[in-house]
Amino acid sequence: RGKDNTFYIMDRKELDLISESLPRYLWDRIRLPILIEMAPQYGSGSARVQGEAECELVRKLLKIDRGDRKMVIIYMPEIRELRRKLPTTSQYAFVTALR
């Protein structure tokens, strides 16, 4: 369940893939679903993922080596690949800036 009592159904195979891809010490730090944040300041076709465990997982699954420890920017082909690999354990979040 989410903080707002939303019930999430996640595929067991995806959870197994996540546990195989992450070191054991990060298991209790990962927040699911993984949020793929689409924001205007990143331009169209790019998004960010935040969190130490989440970024480690994304870098490992997509085989990329960029971004810092707690944030990584991914682009449309990578977003598609991530959603293909983790359709039930990842989710889009649309972020707007208020003036």
PDB file of N, CA and C in Angstrom:
ATOM      1  N   ARG A   1       0.830  -1.196   0.000  1.00  0.00           N
ATOM      2  CA  ARG A   1       0.000   0.000   0.000  1.00  0.00           C
ATOM      3  C   ARG A   1       0.865   1.247   0.000  1.00  0.00           C
ATOM      4  N   GLY A   2       0.356   2.266  -0.697  1.00  0.00           N
ATOM      5  CA  GLY A   2       1.051   3.542  -0.722  1.00  0.00           C
ATOM      6  C   GLY A   2       0.706   4.372   0.503  1.00  0.00           C
ATOM      7  N   LYS A   3       1.345   5.519   0.634  1.00  0.00           N
ATOM      8  CA  LYS A   3       1.080   6.407   1.763  1.00  0.00           C
ATOM      9  C   LYS A   3      -0.365   6.878   1.784  1.00  0.00           C
ATOM     10  N   ASP A   4      -0.977   6.958   0.602  1.00  0.00           N
ATOM     11  CA  ASP A   4      -2.366   7.405   0.514  1.00  0.00           C
ATOM     12  C   ASP A   4      -3.340   6.230   0.475  1.00  0.00           C
ATOM     13  N   ASN A   5      -2.886   5.055   0.914  1.00  0.00           N
ATOM     14  CA  ASN A   5      -3.669   3.813   0.938  1.00  0.00           C
ATOM     15  C   ASN A   5      -4.005   3.274  -0.446  1.00  0.00           C
ATOM     16  N   THR A   6      -3.306   3.742  -1.468  1.00  0.00           N
ATOM     17  CA  THR A   6      -3.472   3.187  -2.803  1.00  0.00           C
ATOM     18  C   THR A   6      -2.852   1.798  -2.816  1.00  0.00           C
ATOM     19  N   PHE A   7      -3.551   0.849  -3.378  1.00  0.00           N
ATOM     20  CA  PHE A   7      -3.079  -0.533  -3.424  1.00  0.00           C
ATOM     21  C   PHE A   7      -2.361  -0.774  -4.744  1.00  0.00           C
ATOM     22  N   TYR A   8      -1.113  -1.239  -4.688  1.00  0.00           N
ATOM     23  CA  TYR A   8      -0.321  -1.513  -5.881  1.00  0.00           C
ATOM     24  C   TYR A   8      -0.171  -3.016  -6.069  1.00  0.00           C
ATOM     25  N   ILE A   9      -0.343  -3.466  -7.297  1.00  0.00           N
ATOM     26  CA  ILE A   9      -0.085  -4.861  -7.630  1.00  0.00           C
ATOM     27  C   ILE A   9       1.192  -4.889  -8.455  1.00  0.00           C
ATOM     28  N   MET A  10       2.195  -5.611  -7.942  1.00  0.00           N
ATOM     29  CA  MET A  10       3.488  -5.681  -8.616  1.00  0.00           C
ATOM     30  C   MET A  10       3.786  -7.125  -8.981  1.00  0.00           C
ATOM     31  N   ASP A  11       4.359  -7.290 -10.161  1.00  0.00           N
ATOM     32  CA  ASP A  11       4.670  -8.616 -10.677  1.00  0.00           C
ATOM     33  C   ASP A  11       5.841  -9.223  -9.910  1.00  0.00           C
ATOM     34  N   ARG A  12       5.701 -10.475  -9.531  1.00  0.00           N
ATOM     35  CA  ARG A  12       6.736 -11.179  -8.768  1.00  0.00           C
ATOM     36  C   ARG A  12       8.056 -11.257  -9.542  1.00  0.00           C
ATOM     37  N   LYS A  13       7.986 -11.451 -10.862  1.00  0.00           N
ATOM     38  CA  LYS A  13       9.204 -11.544 -11.674  1.00  0.00           C
ATOM     39  C   LYS A  13       9.986 -10.234 -11.644  1.00  0.00           C
ATOM     40  N   GLU A  14       9.280  -9.121 -11.631  1.00  0.00           N
ATOM     41  CA  GLU A  14       9.947  -7.826 -11.548  1.00  0.00           C
ATOM     42  C   GLU A  14      10.613  -7.638 -10.188  1.00  0.00           C
ATOM     43  N   LEU A  15       9.931  -8.046  -9.134  1.00  0.00           N
ATOM     44  CA  LEU A  15      10.516  -7.944  -7.796  1.00  0.00           C
ATOM     45  C   LEU A  15      11.761  -8.823  -7.687  1.00  0.00           C
ATOM     46  N   ASP A  16      11.728  -9.997  -8.310  1.00  0.00           N
ATOM     47  CA  ASP A  16      12.909 -10.867  -8.336  1.00  0.00           C
ATOM     48  C   ASP A  16      14.046 -10.209  -9.109  1.00  0.00           C
ATOM     49  N   LEU A  17      13.734  -9.583 -10.255  1.00  0.00           N
ATOM     50  CA  LEU A  17      14.749  -8.886 -11.045  1.00  0.00           C
ATOM     51  C   LEU A  17      15.381  -7.753 -10.233  1.00  0.00           C
ATOM     52  N   ILE A  18      14.555  -7.018  -9.503  1.00  0.00           N
ATOM     53  CA  ILE A  18      15.061  -5.929  -8.671  1.00  0.00           C
ATOM     54  C   ILE A  18      15.984  -6.476  -7.587  1.00  0.00           C
ATOM     55  N   SER A  19      15.570  -7.549  -6.921  1.00  0.00           N
ATOM     56  CA  SER A  19      16.401  -8.102  -5.845  1.00  0.00           C
ATOM     57  C   SER A  19      17.709  -8.683  -6.373  1.00  0.00           C
ATOM     58  N   GLU A  20      17.699  -9.216  -7.593  1.00  0.00           N
ATOM     59  CA  GLU A  20      18.928  -9.740  -8.191  1.00  0.00           C
ATOM     60  C   GLU A  20      19.861  -8.611  -8.632  1.00  0.00           C
ATOM     61  N   SER A  21      19.303  -7.470  -8.993  1.00  0.00           N
ATOM     62  CA  SER A  21      20.097  -6.367  -9.534  1.00  0.00           C
ATOM     63  C   SER A  21      20.690  -5.461  -8.463  1.00  0.00           C
ATOM     64  N   LEU A  22      20.071  -5.434  -7.294  1.00  0.00           N
ATOM     65  CA  LEU A  22      20.535  -4.538  -6.231  1.00  0.00           C
ATOM     66  C   LEU A  22      21.329  -5.293  -5.174  1.00  0.00           C
ATOM     67  N   PRO A  23      22.352  -4.652  -4.595  1.00  0.00           N
ATOM     68  CA  PRO A  23      23.024  -5.267  -3.453  1.00  0.00           C
ATOM     69  C   PRO A  23      22.045  -5.373  -2.278  1.00  0.00           C
ATOM     70  N   ARG A  24      22.243  -6.368  -1.465  1.00  0.00           N
ATOM     71  CA  ARG A  24      21.315  -6.654  -0.364  1.00  0.00           C
ATOM     72  C   ARG A  24      21.118  -5.461   0.590  1.00  0.00           C
ATOM     73  N   TYR A  25      22.179  -4.678   0.831  1.00  0.00           N
ATOM     74  CA  TYR A  25      22.056  -3.566   1.782  1.00  0.00           C
ATOM     75  C   TYR A  25      21.120  -2.462   1.275  1.00  0.00           C
ATOM     76  N   LEU A  26      20.797  -2.452  -0.026  1.00  0.00           N
ATOM     77  CA  LEU A  26      19.881  -1.440  -0.570  1.00  0.00           C
ATOM     78  C   LEU A  26      18.427  -1.917  -0.620  1.00  0.00           C
ATOM     79  N   TRP A  27      18.179  -3.170  -0.303  1.00  0.00           N
ATOM     80  CA  TRP A  27      16.814  -3.693  -0.395  1.00  0.00           C
ATOM     81  C   TRP A  27      15.826  -2.904   0.450  1.00  0.00           C
ATOM     82  N   ASP A  28      16.205  -2.542   1.661  1.00  0.00           N
ATOM     83  CA  ASP A  28      15.253  -1.839   2.532  1.00  0.00           C
ATOM     84  C   ASP A  28      15.181  -0.340   2.234  1.00  0.00           C
ATOM     85  N   ARG A  29      16.033   0.152   1.338  1.00  0.00           N
ATOM     86  CA  ARG A  29      16.033   1.581   1.003  1.00  0.00           C
ATOM     87  C   ARG A  29      15.249   1.914  -0.258  1.00  0.00           C
ATOM     88  N   ILE A  30      14.955   0.917  -1.081  1.00  0.00           N
ATOM     89  CA  ILE A  30      14.289   1.208  -2.357  1.00  0.00           C
ATOM     90  C   ILE A  30      12.813   1.518  -2.118  1.00  0.00           C
ATOM     91  N   ARG A  31      12.338   2.531  -2.812  1.00  0.00           N
ATOM     92  CA  ARG A  31      10.924   2.914  -2.718  1.00  0.00           C
ATOM     93  C   ARG A  31      10.232   2.502  -4.009  1.00  0.00           C
ATOM     94  N   LEU A  32       9.213   1.694  -3.851  1.00  0.00           N
ATOM     95  CA  LEU A  32       8.453   1.214  -5.008  1.00  0.00           C
ATOM     96  C   LEU A  32       7.053   1.793  -4.963  1.00  0.00           C
ATOM     97  N   PRO A  33       6.472   2.123  -6.103  1.00  0.00           N
ATOM     98  CA  PRO A  33       7.018   2.018  -7.444  1.00  0.00           C
ATOM     99  C   PRO A  33       8.095   3.077  -7.692  1.00  0.00           C
ATOM    100  N   ILE A  34       9.002   2.784  -8.598  1.00  0.00           N
ATOM    101  CA  ILE A  34      10.052   3.718  -8.982  1.00  0.00           C
ATOM    102  C   ILE A  34       9.400   4.825  -9.803  1.00  0.00           C
ATOM    103  N   LEU A  35       9.624   6.066  -9.403  1.00  0.00           N
ATOM    104  CA  LEU A  35       9.006   7.196 -10.100  1.00  0.00           C
ATOM    105  C   LEU A  35       9.924   7.716 -11.195  1.00  0.00           C
ATOM    106  N   ILE A  36       9.396   7.763 -12.392  1.00  0.00           N
ATOM    107  CA  ILE A  36      10.080   8.358 -13.539  1.00  0.00           C
ATOM    108  C   ILE A  36       9.483   9.753 -13.676  1.00  0.00           C
ATOM    109  N   GLU A  37      10.232  10.754 -13.242  1.00  0.00           N
ATOM    110  CA  GLU A  37       9.712  12.118 -13.146  1.00  0.00           C
ATOM    111  C   GLU A  37       9.922  12.883 -14.447  1.00  0.00           C
ATOM    112  N   MET A  38       8.824  13.203 -15.100  1.00  0.00           N
ATOM    113  CA  MET A  38       8.845  14.006 -16.319  1.00  0.00           C
ATOM    114  C   MET A  38       8.632  15.459 -15.886  1.00  0.00           C
ATOM    115  N   ALA A  39       9.564  16.336 -16.255  1.00  0.00           N
ATOM    116  CA  ALA A  39       9.466  17.740 -15.866  1.00  0.00           C
ATOM    117  C   ALA A  39       9.884  18.625 -17.032  1.00  0.00           C
ATOM    118  N   PRO A  40       9.245  19.792 -17.175  1.00  0.00           N
ATOM    119  CA  PRO A  40       9.569  20.677 -18.298  1.00  0.00           C
ATOM    120  C   PRO A  40      11.031  21.124 -18.324  1.00  0.00           C
ATOM    121  N   GLN A  41      11.660  21.285 -17.162  1.00  0.00           N
ATOM    122  CA  GLN A  41      13.045  21.769 -17.155  1.00  0.00           C
ATOM    123  C   GLN A  41      14.037  20.759 -17.723  1.00  0.00           C
ATOM    124  N   TYR A  42      13.650  19.506 -17.879  1.00  0.00           N
ATOM    125  CA  TYR A  42      14.534  18.504 -18.485  1.00  0.00           C
ATOM    126  C   TYR A  42      14.330  18.409 -19.986  1.00  0.00           C
ATOM    127  N   GLY A  43      13.345  19.097 -20.513  1.00  0.00           N
ATOM    128  CA  GLY A  43      13.074  19.063 -21.944  1.00  0.00           C
ATOM    129  C   GLY A  43      12.200  17.873 -22.297  1.00  0.00           C
ATOM    130  N   SER A  44      11.667  17.898 -23.506  1.00  0.00           N
ATOM    131  CA  SER A  44      10.820  16.781 -23.911  1.00  0.00           C
ATOM    132  C   SER A  44      11.710  15.577 -24.198  1.00  0.00           C
ATOM    133  N   GLY A  45      11.263  14.432 -23.793  1.00  0.00           N
ATOM    134  CA  GLY A  45      12.018  13.217 -24.057  1.00  0.00           C
ATOM    135  C   GLY A  45      13.053  12.872 -23.013  1.00  0.00           C
ATOM    136  N   SER A  46      13.023  13.546 -21.864  1.00  0.00           N
ATOM    137  CA  SER A  46      13.949  13.182 -20.799  1.00  0.00           C
ATOM    138  C   SER A  46      13.227  13.221 -19.457  1.00  0.00           C
ATOM    139  N   ALA A  47      13.759  12.475 -18.514  1.00  0.00           N
ATOM    140  CA  ALA A  47      13.142  12.370 -17.194  1.00  0.00           C
ATOM    141  C   ALA A  47      14.236  12.101 -16.172  1.00  0.00           C
ATOM    142  N   ARG A  48      13.862  12.174 -14.902  1.00  0.00           N
ATOM    143  CA  ARG A  48      14.842  11.857 -13.863  1.00  0.00           C
ATOM    144  C   ARG A  48      14.287  10.791 -12.932  1.00  0.00           C
ATOM    145  N   VAL A  49      15.215  10.079 -12.333  1.00  0.00           N
ATOM    146  CA  VAL A  49      14.905   9.120 -11.276  1.00  0.00           C
ATOM    147  C   VAL A  49      15.740   9.551 -10.084  1.00  0.00           C
ATOM    148  N   GLN A  50      15.126   9.590  -8.910  1.00  0.00           N
ATOM    149  CA  GLN A  50      15.824  10.036  -7.706  1.00  0.00           C
ATOM    150  C   GLN A  50      15.877   8.926  -6.670  1.00  0.00           C
ATOM    151  N   GLY A  51      16.861   9.005  -5.806  1.00  0.00           N
ATOM    152  CA  GLY A  51      17.042   8.045  -4.729  1.00  0.00           C
ATOM    153  C   GLY A  51      18.253   7.162  -4.989  1.00  0.00           C
ATOM    154  N   GLU A  52      19.015   6.905  -3.944  1.00  0.00           N
ATOM    155  CA  GLU A  52      20.247   6.131  -4.091  1.00  0.00           C
ATOM    156  C   GLU A  52      19.986   4.733  -4.645  1.00  0.00           C
ATOM    157  N   ALA A  53      19.061   4.009  -4.040  1.00  0.00           N
ATOM    158  CA  ALA A  53      18.772   2.636  -4.481  1.00  0.00           C
ATOM    159  C   ALA A  53      18.132   2.629  -5.863  1.00  0.00           C
ATOM    160  N   GLU A  54      17.228   3.571  -6.104  1.00  0.00           N
ATOM    161  CA  GLU A  54      16.539   3.639  -7.388  1.00  0.00           C
ATOM    162  C   GLU A  54      17.517   3.923  -8.523  1.00  0.00           C
ATOM    163  N   CYS A  55      18.446   4.859  -8.296  1.00  0.00           N
ATOM    164  CA  CYS A  55      19.442   5.200  -9.325  1.00  0.00           C
ATOM    165  C   CYS A  55      20.390   4.039  -9.581  1.00  0.00           C
ATOM    166  N   GLU A  56      20.789   3.363  -8.525  1.00  0.00           N
ATOM    167  CA  GLU A  56      21.660   2.187  -8.680  1.00  0.00           C
ATOM    168  C   GLU A  56      20.973   1.136  -9.552  1.00  0.00           C
ATOM    169  N   LEU A  57      19.692   0.900  -9.292  1.00  0.00           N
ATOM    170  CA  LEU A  57      18.929  -0.080 -10.064  1.00  0.00           C
ATOM    171  C   LEU A  57      18.809   0.336 -11.525  1.00  0.00           C
ATOM    172  N   VAL A  58      18.459   1.588 -11.765  1.00  0.00           N
ATOM    173  CA  VAL A  58      18.288   2.087 -13.134  1.00  0.00           C
ATOM    174  C   VAL A  58      19.599   1.990 -13.907  1.00  0.00           C
ATOM    175  N   ARG A  59      20.697   2.411 -13.282  1.00  0.00           N
ATOM    176  CA  ARG A  59      22.003   2.322 -13.958  1.00  0.00           C
ATOM    177  C   ARG A  59      22.353   0.879 -14.295  1.00  0.00           C
ATOM    178  N   LYS A  60      22.053  -0.030 -13.395  1.00  0.00           N
ATOM    179  CA  LYS A  60      22.374  -1.447 -13.632  1.00  0.00           C
ATOM    180  C   LYS A  60      21.494  -2.039 -14.736  1.00  0.00           C
ATOM    181  N   LEU A  61      20.191  -1.789 -14.686  1.00  0.00           N
ATOM    182  CA  LEU A  61      19.276  -2.360 -15.684  1.00  0.00           C
ATOM    183  C   LEU A  61      19.510  -1.788 -17.074  1.00  0.00           C
ATOM    184  N   LEU A  62      19.821  -0.490 -17.153  1.00  0.00           N
ATOM    185  CA  LEU A  62      20.005   0.160 -18.449  1.00  0.00           C
ATOM    186  C   LEU A  62      21.463   0.149 -18.915  1.00  0.00           C
ATOM    187  N   LYS A  63      22.348  -0.323 -18.046  1.00  0.00           N
ATOM    188  CA  LYS A  63      23.789  -0.385 -18.364  1.00  0.00           C
ATOM    189  C   LYS A  63      24.334   0.994 -18.748  1.00  0.00           C
ATOM    190  N   ILE A  64      24.030   1.974 -17.907  1.00  0.00           N
ATOM    191  CA  ILE A  64      24.546   3.327 -18.130  1.00  0.00           C
ATOM    192  C   ILE A  64      25.447   3.713 -16.960  1.00  0.00           C
ATOM    193  N   ASP A  65      26.332   4.651 -17.196  1.00  0.00           N
ATOM    194  CA  ASP A  65      27.264   5.089 -16.161  1.00  0.00           C
ATOM    195  C   ASP A  65      27.302   6.617 -16.136  1.00  0.00           C
ATOM    196  N   ARG A  66      26.191   7.201 -15.730  1.00  0.00           N
ATOM    197  CA  ARG A  66      26.143   8.660 -15.621  1.00  0.00           C
ATOM    198  C   ARG A  66      25.201   9.035 -14.487  1.00  0.00           C
ATOM    199  N   GLY A  67      25.206  10.304 -14.169  1.00  0.00           N
ATOM    200  CA  GLY A  67      24.392  10.778 -13.063  1.00  0.00           C
ATOM    201  C   GLY A  67      25.163  10.652 -11.760  1.00  0.00           C
ATOM    202  N   ASP A  68      24.637  11.286 -10.727  1.00  0.00           N
ATOM    203  CA  ASP A  68      25.300  11.150  -9.438  1.00  0.00           C
ATOM    204  C   ASP A  68      24.627  10.053  -8.627  1.00  0.00           C
ATOM    205  N   ARG A  69      25.033   9.945  -7.366  1.00  0.00           N
ATOM    206  CA  ARG A  69      24.546   8.835  -6.549  1.00  0.00           C
ATOM    207  C   ARG A  69      23.037   8.866  -6.325  1.00  0.00           C
ATOM    208  N   LYS A  70      22.472  10.072  -6.230  1.00  0.00           N
ATOM    209  CA  LYS A  70      21.062  10.181  -5.850  1.00  0.00           C
ATOM    210  C   LYS A  70      20.135  10.666  -6.951  1.00  0.00           C
ATOM    211  N   MET A  71      20.650  10.917  -8.155  1.00  0.00           N
ATOM    212  CA  MET A  71      19.785  11.343  -9.254  1.00  0.00           C
ATOM    213  C   MET A  71      20.418  10.972 -10.590  1.00  0.00           C
ATOM    214  N   VAL A  72      19.580  10.472 -11.496  1.00  0.00           N
ATOM    215  CA  VAL A  72      20.050  10.148 -12.841  1.00  0.00           C
ATOM    216  C   VAL A  72      19.009  10.641 -13.842  1.00  0.00           C
ATOM    217  N   ILE A  73      19.496  11.253 -14.929  1.00  0.00           N
ATOM    218  CA  ILE A  73      18.626  11.704 -16.019  1.00  0.00           C
ATOM    219  C   ILE A  73      18.633  10.613 -17.079  1.00  0.00           C
ATOM    220  N   ILE A  74      17.440  10.221 -17.521  1.00  0.00           N
ATOM    221  CA  ILE A  74      17.334   9.218 -18.586  1.00  0.00           C
ATOM    222  C   ILE A  74      16.534   9.810 -19.742  1.00  0.00           C
ATOM    223  N   TYR A  75      16.772   9.282 -20.926  1.00  0.00           N
ATOM    224  CA  TYR A  75      16.163   9.809 -22.150  1.00  0.00           C
ATOM    225  C   TYR A  75      15.152   8.816 -22.711  1.00  0.00           C
ATOM    226  N   MET A  76      14.348   9.257 -23.662  1.00  0.00           N
ATOM    227  CA  MET A  76      13.194   8.499 -24.126  1.00  0.00           C
ATOM    228  C   MET A  76      13.482   7.028 -24.456  1.00  0.00           C
ATOM    229  N   PRO A  77      14.536   6.692 -25.208  1.00  0.00           N
ATOM    230  CA  PRO A  77      14.777   5.266 -25.468  1.00  0.00           C
ATOM    231  C   PRO A  77      15.025   4.478 -24.174  1.00  0.00           C
ATOM    232  N   GLU A  78      15.702   5.115 -23.218  1.00  0.00           N
ATOM    233  CA  GLU A  78      15.969   4.459 -21.935  1.00  0.00           C
ATOM    234  C   GLU A  78      14.700   4.379 -21.087  1.00  0.00           C
ATOM    235  N   ILE A  79      13.865   5.399 -21.178  1.00  0.00           N
ATOM    236  CA  ILE A  79      12.593   5.380 -20.451  1.00  0.00           C
ATOM    237  C   ILE A  79      11.747   4.212 -20.946  1.00  0.00           C
ATOM    238  N   ARG A  80      11.682   4.054 -22.272  1.00  0.00           N
ATOM    239  CA  ARG A  80      10.915   2.938 -22.846  1.00  0.00           C
ATOM    240  C   ARG A  80      11.465   1.595 -22.388  1.00  0.00           C
ATOM    241  N   GLU A  81      12.790   1.465 -22.410  1.00  0.00           N
ATOM    242  CA  GLU A  81      13.416   0.205 -21.996  1.00  0.00           C
ATOM    243  C   GLU A  81      13.144  -0.087 -20.520  1.00  0.00           C
ATOM    244  N   LEU A  82      13.230   0.940 -19.683  1.00  0.00           N
ATOM    245  CA  LEU A  82      12.956   0.764 -18.258  1.00  0.00           C
ATOM    246  C   LEU A  82      11.512   0.348 -18.027  1.00  0.00           C
ATOM    247  N   ARG A  83      10.576   0.987 -18.726  1.00  0.00           N
ATOM    248  CA  ARG A  83       9.161   0.626 -18.576  1.00  0.00           C
ATOM    249  C   ARG A  83       8.875  -0.775 -19.119  1.00  0.00           C
ATOM    250  N   ARG A  84       9.613  -1.192 -20.148  1.00  0.00           N
ATOM    251  CA  ARG A  84       9.457  -2.559 -20.656  1.00  0.00           C
ATOM    252  C   ARG A  84       9.927  -3.583 -19.629  1.00  0.00           C
ATOM    253  N   LYS A  85      11.023  -3.268 -18.948  1.00  0.00           N
ATOM    254  CA  LYS A  85      11.570  -4.193 -17.957  1.00  0.00           C
ATOM    255  C   LYS A  85      10.788  -4.172 -16.648  1.00  0.00           C
ATOM    256  N   LEU A  86      10.258  -3.006 -16.285  1.00  0.00           N
ATOM    257  CA  LEU A  86       9.566  -2.848 -15.001  1.00  0.00           C
ATOM    258  C   LEU A  86       8.194  -2.188 -15.171  1.00  0.00           C
ATOM    259  N   PRO A  87       7.267  -2.825 -15.881  1.00  0.00           N
ATOM    260  CA  PRO A  87       5.974  -2.165 -16.120  1.00  0.00           C
ATOM    261  C   PRO A  87       5.114  -1.981 -14.871  1.00  0.00           C
ATOM    262  N   THR A  88       5.203  -2.891 -13.901  1.00  0.00           N
ATOM    263  CA  THR A  88       4.344  -2.761 -12.721  1.00  0.00           C
ATOM    264  C   THR A  88       5.062  -2.147 -11.525  1.00  0.00           C
ATOM    265  N   THR A  89       6.390  -2.077 -11.570  1.00  0.00           N
ATOM    266  CA  THR A  89       7.134  -1.513 -10.440  1.00  0.00           C
ATOM    267  C   THR A  89       7.714  -0.135 -10.752  1.00  0.00           C
ATOM    268  N   SER A  90       7.318   0.443 -11.874  1.00  0.00           N
ATOM    269  CA  SER A  90       7.711   1.821 -12.187  1.00  0.00           C
ATOM    270  C   SER A  90       6.464   2.589 -12.606  1.00  0.00           C
ATOM    271  N   GLN A  91       6.533   3.899 -12.447  1.00  0.00           N
ATOM    272  CA  GLN A  91       5.365   4.732 -12.729  1.00  0.00           C
ATOM    273  C   GLN A  91       5.834   6.123 -13.142  1.00  0.00           C
ATOM    274  N   TYR A  92       5.088   6.750 -14.045  1.00  0.00           N
ATOM    275  CA  TYR A  92       5.392   8.118 -14.452  1.00  0.00           C
ATOM    276  C   TYR A  92       4.866   9.096 -13.406  1.00  0.00           C
ATOM    277  N   ALA A  93       5.622  10.168 -13.188  1.00  0.00           N
ATOM    278  CA  ALA A  93       5.170  11.282 -12.359  1.00  0.00           C
ATOM    279  C   ALA A  93       5.424  12.549 -13.167  1.00  0.00           C
ATOM    280  N   PHE A  94       4.406  13.366 -13.327  1.00  0.00           N
ATOM    281  CA  PHE A  94       4.542  14.604 -14.085  1.00  0.00           C
ATOM    282  C   PHE A  94       4.692  15.754 -13.100  1.00  0.00           C
ATOM    283  N   VAL A  95       5.845  16.421 -13.161  1.00  0.00           N
ATOM    284  CA  VAL A  95       6.206  17.456 -12.201  1.00  0.00           C
ATOM    285  C   VAL A  95       6.078  18.821 -12.870  1.00  0.00           C
ATOM    286  N   THR A  96       5.434  19.754 -12.182  1.00  0.00           N
ATOM    287  CA  THR A  96       5.336  21.121 -12.691  1.00  0.00           C
ATOM    288  C   THR A  96       5.886  22.075 -11.638  1.00  0.00           C
ATOM    289  N   ALA A  97       6.383  23.188 -12.087  1.00  0.00           N
ATOM    290  CA  ALA A  97       6.891  24.208 -11.172  1.00  0.00           C
ATOM    291  C   ALA A  97       5.848  25.308 -11.048  1.00  0.00           C
ATOM    292  N   LEU A  98       5.527  25.667  -9.830  1.00  0.00           N
ATOM    293  CA  LEU A  98       4.573  26.745  -9.585  1.00  0.00           C
ATOM    294  C   LEU A  98       5.343  28.036  -9.359  1.00  0.00           C
ATOM    295  N   ARG A  99       4.839  29.115  -9.929  1.00  0.00           N
ATOM    296  CA  ARG A  99       5.529  30.407  -9.769  1.00  0.00           C
ATOM    297  C   ARG A  99       4.935  31.186  -8.645  1.00  0.00           C
TER     298      ARG A  99
END
